Each structure stands twice: as structure tokens, then as C-alpha cells.
Amino acid sequence: MALRAVSELLKDPTSTTRPVDDTFTFDVDVVDRQARTPKPRTLQLVLSDENDLVFAGNSKTVEQVETVGDTPVHVTFPNKRIRGSGADLSGFRVSLREKDGEVLVFCLIGIDE
């Protein structure tokens, strides 16, 4: 399988304040050009282990199952709350991957002073 992101990982809002306690919506287009038929794929948004930021439930990941085939599919992860002190950070990275796979695409979210 060759799952790929065919767009940027877009986020709204594009920045937040410290301490971080904000809700974000993430959008991306994904495709598996080698798929003969669309199949359910578990996609994950992932926060770095190197900071104290977490999604709801103190998790570093959130998952969503999407049916992906050889035609690009628009995926939205709506209203994902991210919390933490954000101490010593000027921003943070949110990555998209298939469960247990490599990072497909990421975005950076700034932290305003």
C-alpha cells in the first residue's frame, strides 16, 4: 500500500497562546494510487513526545478511519483540543500518519507570546 498526502496539512487556527488550550480543525487530501479498491485506513494526528502538549484524554494521538482508494479523499479532523503549558516552545508540530506508519505530512502551529 502506498498511502500519500496530496495536499498540505491545513490547520485552523494557525496559532495559539501559552498555555495552550485551543481547539483546531485539520484538513488534508490523501490517496493510495496503488489501491485497486478503496479500503478503510486508520489515520492518526500525532503530537511530539518531546513536549507536554496532548489531545483530549492526555493522548499524543487521535485516530480516525477513512476509506481511501486511488482517488484523492478529503479528510477533516474536526475540533481537536490540544492542551499543555507549551513551556519553552515557540510553536509545535502536528503530524499525520497511517497507524504505525511513517509521517505523511505535518504542519507547524505557532505559539504567540
PDB file of N, CA and C in Angstrom:
ATOM      1  N   MET A   1       0.846  -1.174   0.000  1.00  0.00           N
ATOM      2  CA  MET A   1       0.000   0.000   0.000  1.00  0.00           C
ATOM      3  C   MET A   1       0.888   1.231   0.000  1.00  0.00           C
ATOM      4  N   ALA A   2       0.419   2.251  -0.693  1.00  0.00           N
ATOM      5  CA  ALA A   2       1.217   3.461  -0.835  1.00  0.00           C
ATOM      6  C   ALA A   2       0.391   4.694  -0.516  1.00  0.00           C
ATOM      7  N   LEU A   3      -0.031   4.801   0.712  1.00  0.00           N
ATOM      8  CA  LEU A   3      -0.814   5.950   1.132  1.00  0.00           C
ATOM      9  C   LEU A   3       0.057   7.194   1.072  1.00  0.00           C
ATOM     10  N   ARG A   4      -0.490   8.263   0.507  1.00  0.00           N
ATOM     11  CA  ARG A   4       0.231   9.523   0.392  1.00  0.00           C
ATOM     12  C   ARG A   4      -0.690  10.687   0.676  1.00  0.00           C
ATOM     13  N   ALA A   5      -0.126  11.746   1.230  1.00  0.00           N
ATOM     14  CA  ALA A   5      -0.843  13.011   1.343  1.00  0.00           C
ATOM     15  C   ALA A   5      -0.612  13.759   0.042  1.00  0.00           C
ATOM     16  N   VAL A   6      -1.671  14.263  -0.558  1.00  0.00           N
ATOM     17  CA  VAL A   6      -1.534  15.008  -1.804  1.00  0.00           C
ATOM     18  C   VAL A   6      -1.872  16.482  -1.612  1.00  0.00           C
ATOM     19  N   SER A   7      -1.897  16.911  -0.362  1.00  0.00           N
ATOM     20  CA  SER A   7      -2.071  18.327  -0.031  1.00  0.00           C
ATOM     21  C   SER A   7      -1.320  18.601   1.259  1.00  0.00           C
ATOM     22  N   GLU A   8      -1.244  19.866   1.592  1.00  0.00           N
ATOM     23  CA  GLU A   8      -0.686  20.246   2.884  1.00  0.00           C
ATOM     24  C   GLU A   8      -1.654  19.814   3.979  1.00  0.00           C
ATOM     25  N   LEU A   9      -1.135  19.684   5.204  1.00  0.00           N
ATOM     26  CA  LEU A   9      -1.990  19.505   6.374  1.00  0.00           C
ATOM     27  C   LEU A   9      -2.345  20.907   6.848  1.00  0.00           C
ATOM     28  N   LEU A  10      -3.575  21.319   6.574  1.00  0.00           N
ATOM     29  CA  LEU A  10      -4.012  22.670   6.919  1.00  0.00           C
ATOM     30  C   LEU A  10      -4.627  22.673   8.307  1.00  0.00           C
ATOM     31  N   LYS A  11      -4.445  23.780   9.013  1.00  0.00           N
ATOM     32  CA  LYS A  11      -4.974  23.880  10.371  1.00  0.00           C
ATOM     33  C   LYS A  11      -5.698  25.205  10.544  1.00  0.00           C
ATOM     34  N   ASP A  12      -6.682  25.196  11.436  1.00  0.00           N
ATOM     35  CA  ASP A  12      -7.428  26.390  11.775  1.00  0.00           C
ATOM     36  C   ASP A  12      -7.763  26.330  13.257  1.00  0.00           C
ATOM     37  N   PRO A  13      -7.258  27.243  14.051  1.00  0.00           N
ATOM     38  CA  PRO A  13      -6.452  28.409  13.708  1.00  0.00           C
ATOM     39  C   PRO A  13      -4.995  28.040  13.429  1.00  0.00           C
ATOM     40  N   THR A  14      -4.215  29.025  12.971  1.00  0.00           N
ATOM     41  CA  THR A  14      -2.816  28.782  12.616  1.00  0.00           C
ATOM     42  C   THR A  14      -1.858  29.050  13.767  1.00  0.00           C
ATOM     43  N   SER A  15      -2.363  29.648  14.842  1.00  0.00           N
ATOM     44  CA  SER A  15      -1.524  29.867  16.021  1.00  0.00           C
ATOM     45  C   SER A  15      -2.401  29.861  17.263  1.00  0.00           C
ATOM     46  N   THR A  16      -1.754  29.854  18.430  1.00  0.00           N
ATOM     47  CA  THR A  16      -2.460  29.814  19.705  1.00  0.00           C
ATOM     48  C   THR A  16      -1.623  30.580  20.730  1.00  0.00           C
ATOM     49  N   THR A  17      -2.093  30.645  21.960  1.00  0.00           N
ATOM     50  CA  THR A  17      -1.359  31.330  23.021  1.00  0.00           C
ATOM     51  C   THR A  17      -0.898  30.327  24.068  1.00  0.00           C
ATOM     52  N   ARG A  18      -0.009  30.772  24.934  1.00  0.00           N
ATOM     53  CA  ARG A  18       0.502  29.940  26.019  1.00  0.00           C
ATOM     54  C   ARG A  18      -0.235  30.305  27.293  1.00  0.00           C
ATOM     55  N   PRO A  19      -0.646  29.402  28.157  1.00  0.00           N
ATOM     56  CA  PRO A  19      -0.620  27.954  27.963  1.00  0.00           C
ATOM     57  C   PRO A  19      -1.581  27.556  26.840  1.00  0.00           C
ATOM     58  N   VAL A  20      -1.249  26.474  26.156  1.00  0.00           N
ATOM     59  CA  VAL A  20      -2.041  26.019  25.020  1.00  0.00           C
ATOM     60  C   VAL A  20      -3.314  25.339  25.537  1.00  0.00           C
ATOM     61  N   ASP A  21      -4.434  25.811  25.065  1.00  0.00           N
ATOM     62  CA  ASP A  21      -5.738  25.206  25.367  1.00  0.00           C
ATOM     63  C   ASP A  21      -6.686  25.679  24.284  1.00  0.00           C
ATOM     64  N   ASP A  22      -6.581  25.043  23.128  1.00  0.00           N
ATOM     65  CA  ASP A  22      -7.313  25.522  21.959  1.00  0.00           C
ATOM     66  C   ASP A  22      -7.845  24.341  21.160  1.00  0.00           C
ATOM     67  N   THR A  23      -8.870  24.609  20.367  1.00  0.00           N
ATOM     68  CA  THR A  23      -9.477  23.592  19.502  1.00  0.00           C
ATOM     69  C   THR A  23      -9.095  23.889  18.060  1.00  0.00           C
ATOM     70  N   PHE A  24      -8.614  22.862  17.362  1.00  0.00           N
ATOM     71  CA  PHE A  24      -8.152  23.001  15.990  1.00  0.00           C
ATOM     72  C   PHE A  24      -8.926  22.057  15.081  1.00  0.00           C
ATOM     73  N   THR A  25      -9.057  22.455  13.828  1.00  0.00           N
ATOM     74  CA  THR A  25      -9.577  21.587  12.778  1.00  0.00           C
ATOM     75  C   THR A  25      -8.464  21.401  11.757  1.00  0.00           C
ATOM     76  N   PHE A  26      -8.209  20.155  11.366  1.00  0.00           N
ATOM     77  CA  PHE A  26      -7.152  19.825  10.425  1.00  0.00           C
ATOM     78  C   PHE A  26      -7.778  19.227   9.164  1.00  0.00           C
ATOM     79  N   ASP A  27      -7.267  19.640   8.000  1.00  0.00           N
ATOM     80  CA  ASP A  27      -7.755  19.149   6.712  1.00  0.00           C
ATOM     81  C   ASP A  27      -6.587  18.703   5.853  1.00  0.00           C
ATOM     82  N   VAL A  28      -6.796  17.593   5.115  1.00  0.00           N
ATOM     83  CA  VAL A  28      -5.768  17.066   4.226  1.00  0.00           C
ATOM     84  C   VAL A  28      -6.440  16.194   3.170  1.00  0.00           C
ATOM     85  N   ASP A  29      -5.786  16.064   2.023  1.00  0.00           N
ATOM     86  CA  ASP A  29      -6.235  15.139   0.983  1.00  0.00           C
ATOM     87  C   ASP A  29      -5.254  13.977   0.931  1.00  0.00           C
ATOM     88  N   VAL A  30      -5.769  12.746   0.930  1.00  0.00           N
ATOM     89  CA  VAL A  30      -4.924  11.550   0.881  1.00  0.00           C
ATOM     90  C   VAL A  30      -5.382  10.635  -0.252  1.00  0.00           C
ATOM     91  N   VAL A  31      -4.454   9.782  -0.713  1.00  0.00           N
ATOM     92  CA  VAL A  31      -4.746   8.867  -1.809  1.00  0.00           C
ATOM     93  C   VAL A  31      -3.817   7.662  -1.697  1.00  0.00           C
ATOM     94  N   ASP A  32      -4.259   6.538  -2.222  1.00  0.00           N
ATOM     95  CA  ASP A  32      -3.397   5.372  -2.401  1.00  0.00           C
ATOM     96  C   ASP A  32      -3.526   4.973  -3.858  1.00  0.00           C
ATOM     97  N   ARG A  33      -2.619   5.467  -4.688  1.00  0.00           N
ATOM     98  CA  ARG A  33      -2.699   5.270  -6.136  1.00  0.00           C
ATOM     99  C   ARG A  33      -2.553   3.801  -6.537  1.00  0.00           C
ATOM    100  N   GLN A  34      -2.063   2.952  -5.623  1.00  0.00           N
ATOM    101  CA  GLN A  34      -1.896   1.534  -5.925  1.00  0.00           C
ATOM    102  C   GLN A  34      -3.101   0.689  -5.506  1.00  0.00           C
ATOM    103  N   ALA A  35      -4.057   1.313  -4.844  1.00  0.00           N
ATOM    104  CA  ALA A  35      -5.222   0.563  -4.367  1.00  0.00           C
ATOM    105  C   ALA A  35      -6.133   0.205  -5.528  1.00  0.00           C
ATOM    106  N   ARG A  36      -6.500  -1.050  -5.598  1.00  0.00           N
ATOM    107  CA  ARG A  36      -7.451  -1.470  -6.640  1.00  0.00           C
ATOM    108  C   ARG A  36      -8.881  -1.128  -6.229  1.00  0.00           C
ATOM    109  N   THR A  37      -9.138  -1.229  -4.932  1.00  0.00           N
ATOM    110  CA  THR A  37     -10.438  -0.841  -4.393  1.00  0.00           C
ATOM    111  C   THR A  37     -10.200  -0.028  -3.126  1.00  0.00           C
ATOM    112  N   PRO A  38     -11.100   0.913  -2.816  1.00  0.00           N
ATOM    113  CA  PRO A  38     -10.954   1.689  -1.582  1.00  0.00           C
ATOM    114  C   PRO A  38     -11.039   0.779  -0.359  1.00  0.00           C
ATOM    115  N   LYS A  39     -10.199   1.087   0.642  1.00  0.00           N
ATOM    116  CA  LYS A  39     -10.175   0.302   1.878  1.00  0.00           C
ATOM    117  C   LYS A  39     -10.146   1.233   3.081  1.00  0.00           C
ATOM    118  N   PRO A  40     -10.694   0.775   4.217  1.00  0.00           N
ATOM    119  CA  PRO A  40     -10.598   1.572   5.438  1.00  0.00           C
ATOM    120  C   PRO A  40      -9.134   1.687   5.874  1.00  0.00           C
ATOM    121  N   ARG A  41      -8.717   2.910   6.206  1.00  0.00           N
ATOM    122  CA  ARG A  41      -7.362   3.166   6.678  1.00  0.00           C
ATOM    123  C   ARG A  41      -7.464   3.969   7.967  1.00  0.00           C
ATOM    124  N   THR A  42      -6.683   3.606   8.956  1.00  0.00           N
ATOM    125  CA  THR A  42      -6.668   4.336  10.222  1.00  0.00           C
ATOM    126  C   THR A  42      -5.609   5.417  10.132  1.00  0.00           C
ATOM    127  N   LEU A  43      -6.066   6.668  10.148  1.00  0.00           N
ATOM    128  CA  LEU A  43      -5.176   7.820  10.103  1.00  0.00           C
ATOM    129  C   LEU A  43      -5.028   8.384  11.498  1.00  0.00           C
ATOM    130  N   GLN A  44      -3.844   8.900  11.785  1.00  0.00           N
ATOM    131  CA  GLN A  44      -3.566   9.463  13.108  1.00  0.00           C
ATOM    132  C   GLN A  44      -2.978  10.861  12.978  1.00  0.00           C
ATOM    133  N   LEU A  45      -3.440  11.755  13.849  1.00  0.00           N
ATOM    134  CA  LEU A  45      -2.739  13.003  14.098  1.00  0.00           C
ATOM    135  C   LEU A  45      -1.861  12.742  15.303  1.00  0.00           C
ATOM    136  N   VAL A  46      -0.601  13.200  15.253  1.00  0.00           N
ATOM    137  CA  VAL A  46       0.373  12.861  16.285  1.00  0.00           C
ATOM    138  C   VAL A  46       1.068  14.129  16.774  1.00  0.00           C
ATOM    139  N   LEU A  47       1.186  14.254  18.100  1.00  0.00           N
ATOM    140  CA  LEU A  47       1.973  15.316  18.729  1.00  0.00           C
ATOM    141  C   LEU A  47       3.302  14.738  19.202  1.00  0.00           C
ATOM    142  N   SER A  48       4.326  15.548  19.221  1.00  0.00           N
ATOM    143  CA  SER A  48       5.659  15.113  19.617  1.00  0.00           C
ATOM    144  C   SER A  48       5.700  14.653  21.069  1.00  0.00           C
ATOM    145  N   ASP A  49       6.480  13.609  21.327  1.00  0.00           N
ATOM    146  CA  ASP A  49       6.706  13.150  22.699  1.00  0.00           C
ATOM    147  C   ASP A  49       7.607  14.110  23.472  1.00  0.00           C
ATOM    148  N   GLU A  50       8.235  15.038  22.775  1.00  0.00           N
ATOM    149  CA  GLU A  50       9.244  15.902  23.380  1.00  0.00           C
ATOM    150  C   GLU A  50       8.681  17.158  24.031  1.00  0.00           C
ATOM    151  N   ASN A  51       7.353  17.283  24.117  1.00  0.00           N
ATOM    152  CA  ASN A  51       6.763  18.414  24.831  1.00  0.00           C
ATOM    153  C   ASN A  51       5.562  17.915  25.638  1.00  0.00           C
ATOM    154  N   ASP A  52       4.946  18.823  26.389  1.00  0.00           N
ATOM    155  CA  ASP A  52       3.845  18.411  27.275  1.00  0.00           C
ATOM    156  C   ASP A  52       2.471  18.573  26.643  1.00  0.00           C
ATOM    157  N   LEU A  53       2.406  18.834  25.355  1.00  0.00           N
ATOM    158  CA  LEU A  53       1.114  19.027  24.700  1.00  0.00           C
ATOM    159  C   LEU A  53       0.430  17.689  24.430  1.00  0.00           C
ATOM    160  N   VAL A  54      -0.890  17.670  24.640  1.00  0.00           N
ATOM    161  CA  VAL A  54      -1.670  16.440  24.453  1.00  0.00           C
ATOM    162  C   VAL A  54      -3.036  16.765  23.862  1.00  0.00           C
ATOM    163  N   PHE A  55      -3.625  15.755  23.231  1.00  0.00           N
ATOM    164  CA  PHE A  55      -5.018  15.828  22.808  1.00  0.00           C
ATOM    165  C   PHE A  55      -5.892  15.443  24.007  1.00  0.00           C
ATOM    166  N   ALA A  56      -7.193  15.441  23.814  1.00  0.00           N
ATOM    167  CA  ALA A  56      -8.131  15.037  24.866  1.00  0.00           C
ATOM    168  C   ALA A  56      -7.756  13.656  25.398  1.00  0.00           C
ATOM    169  N   GLY A  57      -7.962  13.447  26.685  1.00  0.00           N
ATOM    170  CA  GLY A  57      -7.636  12.165  27.306  1.00  0.00           C
ATOM    171  C   GLY A  57      -6.151  11.973  27.529  1.00  0.00           C
ATOM    172  N   ASN A  58      -5.378  13.067  27.500  1.00  0.00           N
ATOM    173  CA  ASN A  58      -3.919  13.035  27.693  1.00  0.00           C
ATOM    174  C   ASN A  58      -3.212  12.143  26.690  1.00  0.00           C
ATOM    175  N   SER A  59      -3.735  12.069  25.476  1.00  0.00           N
ATOM    176  CA  SER A  59      -3.165  11.231  24.433  1.00  0.00           C
ATOM    177  C   SER A  59      -2.290  12.054  23.491  1.00  0.00           C
ATOM    178  N   LYS A  60      -1.250  11.446  22.976  1.00  0.00           N
ATOM    179  CA  LYS A  60      -0.383  12.079  21.976  1.00  0.00           C
ATOM    180  C   LYS A  60      -0.902  11.849  20.561  1.00  0.00           C
ATOM    181  N   THR A  61      -1.947  11.006  20.405  1.00  0.00           N
ATOM    182  CA  THR A  61      -2.515  10.739  19.083  1.00  0.00           C
ATOM    183  C   THR A  61      -4.039  10.772  19.129  1.00  0.00           C
ATOM    184  N   VAL A  62      -4.629  11.099  17.986  1.00  0.00           N
ATOM    185  CA  VAL A  62      -6.061  10.899  17.763  1.00  0.00           C
ATOM    186  C   VAL A  62      -6.183  10.131  16.456  1.00  0.00           C
ATOM    187  N   GLU A  63      -7.156   9.229  16.403  1.00  0.00           N
ATOM    188  CA  GLU A  63      -7.324   8.369  15.233  1.00  0.00           C
ATOM    189  C   GLU A  63      -8.675   8.597  14.575  1.00  0.00           C
ATOM    190  N   GLN A  64      -8.682   8.312  13.272  1.00  0.00           N
ATOM    191  CA  GLN A  64      -9.910   8.410  12.503  1.00  0.00           C
ATOM    192  C   GLN A  64      -9.788   7.427  11.342  1.00  0.00           C
ATOM    193  N   VAL A  65     -10.842   6.678  11.084  1.00  0.00           N
ATOM    194  CA  VAL A  65     -10.834   5.714   9.984  1.00  0.00           C
ATOM    195  C   VAL A  65     -11.483   6.372   8.766  1.00  0.00           C
ATOM    196  N   GLU A  66     -10.773   6.292   7.644  1.00  0.00           N
ATOM    197  CA  GLU A  66     -11.257   6.844   6.376  1.00  0.00           C
ATOM    198  C   GLU A  66     -11.106   5.789   5.293  1.00  0.00           C
ATOM    199  N   THR A  67     -12.039   5.755   4.369  1.00  0.00           N
ATOM    200  CA  THR A  67     -11.947   4.845   3.234  1.00  0.00           C
ATOM    201  C   THR A  67     -11.170   5.552   2.127  1.00  0.00           C
ATOM    202  N   VAL A  68     -10.019   4.962   1.769  1.00  0.00           N
ATOM    203  CA  VAL A  68      -9.111   5.593   0.815  1.00  0.00           C
ATOM    204  C   VAL A  68      -8.825   4.626  -0.330  1.00  0.00           C
ATOM    205  N   GLY A  69      -8.849   5.157  -1.538  1.00  0.00           N
ATOM    206  CA  GLY A  69      -8.515   4.377  -2.723  1.00  0.00           C
ATOM    207  C   GLY A  69      -7.642   5.181  -3.656  1.00  0.00           C
ATOM    208  N   ASP A  70      -7.792   4.934  -4.958  1.00  0.00           N
ATOM    209  CA  ASP A  70      -6.907   5.584  -5.926  1.00  0.00           C
ATOM    210  C   ASP A  70      -7.396   6.959  -6.375  1.00  0.00           C
ATOM    211  N   THR A  71      -8.472   7.445  -5.770  1.00  0.00           N
ATOM    212  CA  THR A  71      -8.961   8.804  -5.998  1.00  0.00           C
ATOM    213  C   THR A  71      -8.750   9.595  -4.709  1.00  0.00           C
ATOM    214  N   PRO A  72      -8.176  10.801  -4.793  1.00  0.00           N
ATOM    215  CA  PRO A  72      -7.942  11.584  -3.571  1.00  0.00           C
ATOM    216  C   PRO A  72      -9.218  11.765  -2.741  1.00  0.00           C
ATOM    217  N   VAL A  73      -9.064  11.637  -1.429  1.00  0.00           N
ATOM    218  CA  VAL A  73     -10.154  11.781  -0.467  1.00  0.00           C
ATOM    219  C   VAL A  73      -9.815  12.932   0.465  1.00  0.00           C
ATOM    220  N   HIS A  74     -10.776  13.837   0.654  1.00  0.00           N
ATOM    221  CA  HIS A  74     -10.584  14.938   1.597  1.00  0.00           C
ATOM    222  C   HIS A  74     -10.923  14.441   2.999  1.00  0.00           C
ATOM    223  N   VAL A  75      -9.997  14.643   3.924  1.00  0.00           N
ATOM    224  CA  VAL A  75     -10.164  14.186   5.305  1.00  0.00           C
ATOM    225  C   VAL A  75     -10.140  15.392   6.230  1.00  0.00           C
ATOM    226  N   THR A  76     -11.102  15.459   7.125  1.00  0.00           N
ATOM    227  CA  THR A  76     -11.153  16.518   8.137  1.00  0.00           C
ATOM    228  C   THR A  76     -11.128  15.879   9.516  1.00  0.00           C
ATOM    229  N   PHE A  77     -10.231  16.367  10.358  1.00  0.00           N
ATOM    230  CA  PHE A  77     -10.208  16.027  11.779  1.00  0.00           C
ATOM    231  C   PHE A  77     -10.770  17.261  12.484  1.00  0.00           C
ATOM    232  N   PRO A  78     -12.088  17.275  12.779  1.00  0.00           N
ATOM    233  CA  PRO A  78     -12.693  18.495  13.328  1.00  0.00           C
ATOM    234  C   PRO A  78     -12.549  18.614  14.846  1.00  0.00           C
ATOM    235  N   ASN A  79     -12.389  19.848  15.284  1.00  0.00           N
ATOM    236  CA  ASN A  79     -12.479  20.204  16.707  1.00  0.00           C
ATOM    237  C   ASN A  79     -11.621  19.343  17.622  1.00  0.00           C
ATOM    238  N   LYS A  80     -10.333  19.287  17.347  1.00  0.00           N
ATOM    239  CA  LYS A  80      -9.393  18.523  18.173  1.00  0.00           C
ATOM    240  C   LYS A  80      -8.737  19.465  19.173  1.00  0.00           C
ATOM    241  N   ARG A  81      -9.039  19.253  20.456  1.00  0.00           N
ATOM    242  CA  ARG A  81      -8.487  20.119  21.504  1.00  0.00           C
ATOM    243  C   ARG A  81      -7.065  19.686  21.836  1.00  0.00           C
ATOM    244  N   ILE A  82      -6.181  20.672  21.895  1.00  0.00           N
ATOM    245  CA  ILE A  82      -4.790  20.452  22.292  1.00  0.00           C
ATOM    246  C   ILE A  82      -4.529  21.313  23.514  1.00  0.00           C
ATOM    247  N   ARG A  83      -3.917  20.674  24.540  1.00  0.00           N
ATOM    248  CA  ARG A  83      -3.650  21.358  25.806  1.00  0.00           C
ATOM    249  C   ARG A  83      -2.233  21.094  26.270  1.00  0.00           C
ATOM    250  N   GLY A  84      -1.728  21.998  27.100  1.00  0.00           N
ATOM    251  CA  GLY A  84      -0.423  21.844  27.735  1.00  0.00           C
ATOM    252  C   GLY A  84       0.173  23.207  27.995  1.00  0.00           C
ATOM    253  N   SER A  85       1.239  23.240  28.772  1.00  0.00           N
ATOM    254  CA  SER A  85       1.842  24.530  29.116  1.00  0.00           C
ATOM    255  C   SER A  85       2.507  25.172  27.907  1.00  0.00           C
ATOM    256  N   GLY A  86       3.072  24.363  27.029  1.00  0.00           N
ATOM    257  CA  GLY A  86       3.812  24.913  25.898  1.00  0.00           C
ATOM    258  C   GLY A  86       5.073  25.624  26.333  1.00  0.00           C
ATOM    259  N   ALA A  87       5.551  25.311  27.534  1.00  0.00           N
ATOM    260  CA  ALA A  87       6.741  25.972  28.087  1.00  0.00           C
ATOM    261  C   ALA A  87       7.928  25.828  27.143  1.00  0.00           C
ATOM    262  N   ASP A  88       8.633  26.909  26.946  1.00  0.00           N
ATOM    263  CA  ASP A  88       9.846  26.955  26.128  1.00  0.00           C
ATOM    264  C   ASP A  88       9.602  26.637  24.656  1.00  0.00           C
ATOM    265  N   LEU A  89       8.368  26.700  24.185  1.00  0.00           N
ATOM    266  CA  LEU A  89       8.075  26.432  22.782  1.00  0.00           C
ATOM    267  C   LEU A  89       7.674  27.723  22.074  1.00  0.00           C
ATOM    268  N   SER A  90       8.141  27.891  20.842  1.00  0.00           N
ATOM    269  CA  SER A  90       7.665  28.996  20.015  1.00  0.00           C
ATOM    270  C   SER A  90       6.594  28.485  19.050  1.00  0.00           C
ATOM    271  N   GLY A  91       6.467  27.156  18.996  1.00  0.00           N
ATOM    272  CA  GLY A  91       5.470  26.505  18.158  1.00  0.00           C
ATOM    273  C   GLY A  91       5.564  25.007  18.358  1.00  0.00           C
ATOM    274  N   PHE A  92       4.693  24.267  17.692  1.00  0.00           N
ATOM    275  CA  PHE A  92       4.730  22.811  17.816  1.00  0.00           C
ATOM    276  C   PHE A  92       4.275  22.178  16.516  1.00  0.00           C
ATOM    277  N   ARG A  93       4.643  20.915  16.353  1.00  0.00           N
ATOM    278  CA  ARG A  93       4.382  20.168  15.137  1.00  0.00           C
ATOM    279  C   ARG A  93       3.242  19.182  15.358  1.00  0.00           C
ATOM    280  N   VAL A  94       2.343  19.091  14.384  1.00  0.00           N
ATOM    281  CA  VAL A  94       1.292  18.080  14.349  1.00  0.00           C
ATOM    282  C   VAL A  94       1.517  17.283  13.064  1.00  0.00           C
ATOM    283  N   SER A  95       1.676  15.971  13.202  1.00  0.00           N
ATOM    284  CA  SER A  95       1.961  15.109  12.051  1.00  0.00           C
ATOM    285  C   SER A  95       0.763  14.231  11.725  1.00  0.00           C
ATOM    286  N   LEU A  96       0.643  13.873  10.459  1.00  0.00           N
ATOM    287  CA  LEU A  96      -0.362  12.917  10.006  1.00  0.00           C
ATOM    288  C   LEU A  96       0.367  11.669   9.535  1.00  0.00           C
ATOM    289  N   ARG A  97      -0.108  10.508   9.970  1.00  0.00           N
ATOM    290  CA  ARG A  97       0.460   9.239   9.520  1.00  0.00           C
ATOM    291  C   ARG A  97      -0.651   8.206   9.475  1.00  0.00           C
ATOM    292  N   GLU A  98      -0.372   7.118   8.747  1.00  0.00           N
ATOM    293  CA  GLU A  98      -1.238   5.964   8.860  1.00  0.00           C
ATOM    294  C   GLU A  98      -0.804   5.241  10.124  1.00  0.00           C
ATOM    295  N   LYS A  99      -1.723   4.636  10.850  1.00  0.00           N
ATOM    296  CA  LYS A  99      -1.397   3.982  12.108  1.00  0.00           C
ATOM    297  C   LYS A  99      -0.179   3.075  11.934  1.00  0.00           C
ATOM    298  N   ASP A 100       0.801   3.270  12.823  1.00  0.00           N
ATOM    299  CA  ASP A 100       2.054   2.514  12.833  1.00  0.00           C
ATOM    300  C   ASP A 100       2.897   2.738  11.583  1.00  0.00           C
ATOM    301  N   GLY A 101       2.607   3.784  10.827  1.00  0.00           N
ATOM    302  CA  GLY A 101       3.359   4.065   9.602  1.00  0.00           C
ATOM    303  C   GLY A 101       4.224   5.299   9.741  1.00  0.00           C
ATOM    304  N   GLU A 102       4.813   5.687   8.626  1.00  0.00           N
ATOM    305  CA  GLU A 102       5.666   6.868   8.554  1.00  0.00           C
ATOM    306  C   GLU A 102       4.809   8.130   8.456  1.00  0.00           C
ATOM    307  N   VAL A 103       5.407   9.253   8.806  1.00  0.00           N
ATOM    308  CA  VAL A 103       4.732  10.539   8.695  1.00  0.00           C
ATOM    309  C   VAL A 103       4.471  10.841   7.224  1.00  0.00           C
ATOM    310  N   LEU A 104       3.231  11.200   6.914  1.00  0.00           N
ATOM    311  CA  LEU A 104       2.843  11.550   5.546  1.00  0.00           C
ATOM    312  C   LEU A 104       3.014  13.034   5.278  1.00  0.00           C
ATOM    313  N   VAL A 105       2.666  13.839   6.263  1.00  0.00           N
ATOM    314  CA  VAL A 105       2.731  15.295   6.147  1.00  0.00           C
ATOM    315  C   VAL A 105       2.615  15.875   7.548  1.00  0.00           C
ATOM    316  N   PHE A 106       3.108  17.089   7.747  1.00  0.00           N
ATOM    317  CA  PHE A 106       2.969  17.725   9.049  1.00  0.00           C
ATOM    318  C   PHE A 106       2.717  19.216   8.868  1.00  0.00           C
ATOM    319  N   CYS A 107       2.295  19.850   9.941  1.00  0.00           N
ATOM    320  CA  CYS A 107       2.138  21.302   9.950  1.00  0.00           C
ATOM    321  C   CYS A 107       2.711  21.826  11.256  1.00  0.00           C
ATOM    322  N   LEU A 108       3.050  23.100  11.247  1.00  0.00           N
ATOM    323  CA  LEU A 108       3.550  23.767  12.440  1.00  0.00           C
ATOM    324  C   LEU A 108       2.525  24.785  12.897  1.00  0.00           C
ATOM    325  N   ILE A 109       2.302  24.817  14.204  1.00  0.00           N
ATOM    326  CA  ILE A 109       1.371  25.772  14.806  1.00  0.00           C
ATOM    327  C   ILE A 109       2.188  26.679  15.714  1.00  0.00           C
ATOM    328  N   GLY A 110       2.106  27.973  15.474  1.00  0.00           N
ATOM    329  CA  GLY A 110       2.857  28.933  16.269  1.00  0.00           C
ATOM    330  C   GLY A 110       2.208  29.186  17.619  1.00  0.00           C
ATOM    331  N   ILE A 111       3.048  29.541  18.586  1.00  0.00           N
ATOM    332  CA  ILE A 111       2.549  29.955  19.902  1.00  0.00           C
ATOM    333  C   ILE A 111       2.891  31.432  20.066  1.00  0.00           C
ATOM    334  N   ASP A 112       1.854  32.261  20.140  1.00  0.00           N
ATOM    335  CA  ASP A 112       2.026  33.704  20.287  1.00  0.00           C
ATOM    336  C   ASP A 112       2.346  34.030  21.734  1.00  0.00           C
ATOM    337  N   GLU A 113       3.175  35.023  21.912  1.00  0.00           N
ATOM    338  CA  GLU A 113       3.510  35.467  23.286  1.00  0.00           C
ATOM    339  C   GLU A 113       2.433  36.367  23.831  1.00  0.00           C
TER     340      GLU A 113
END
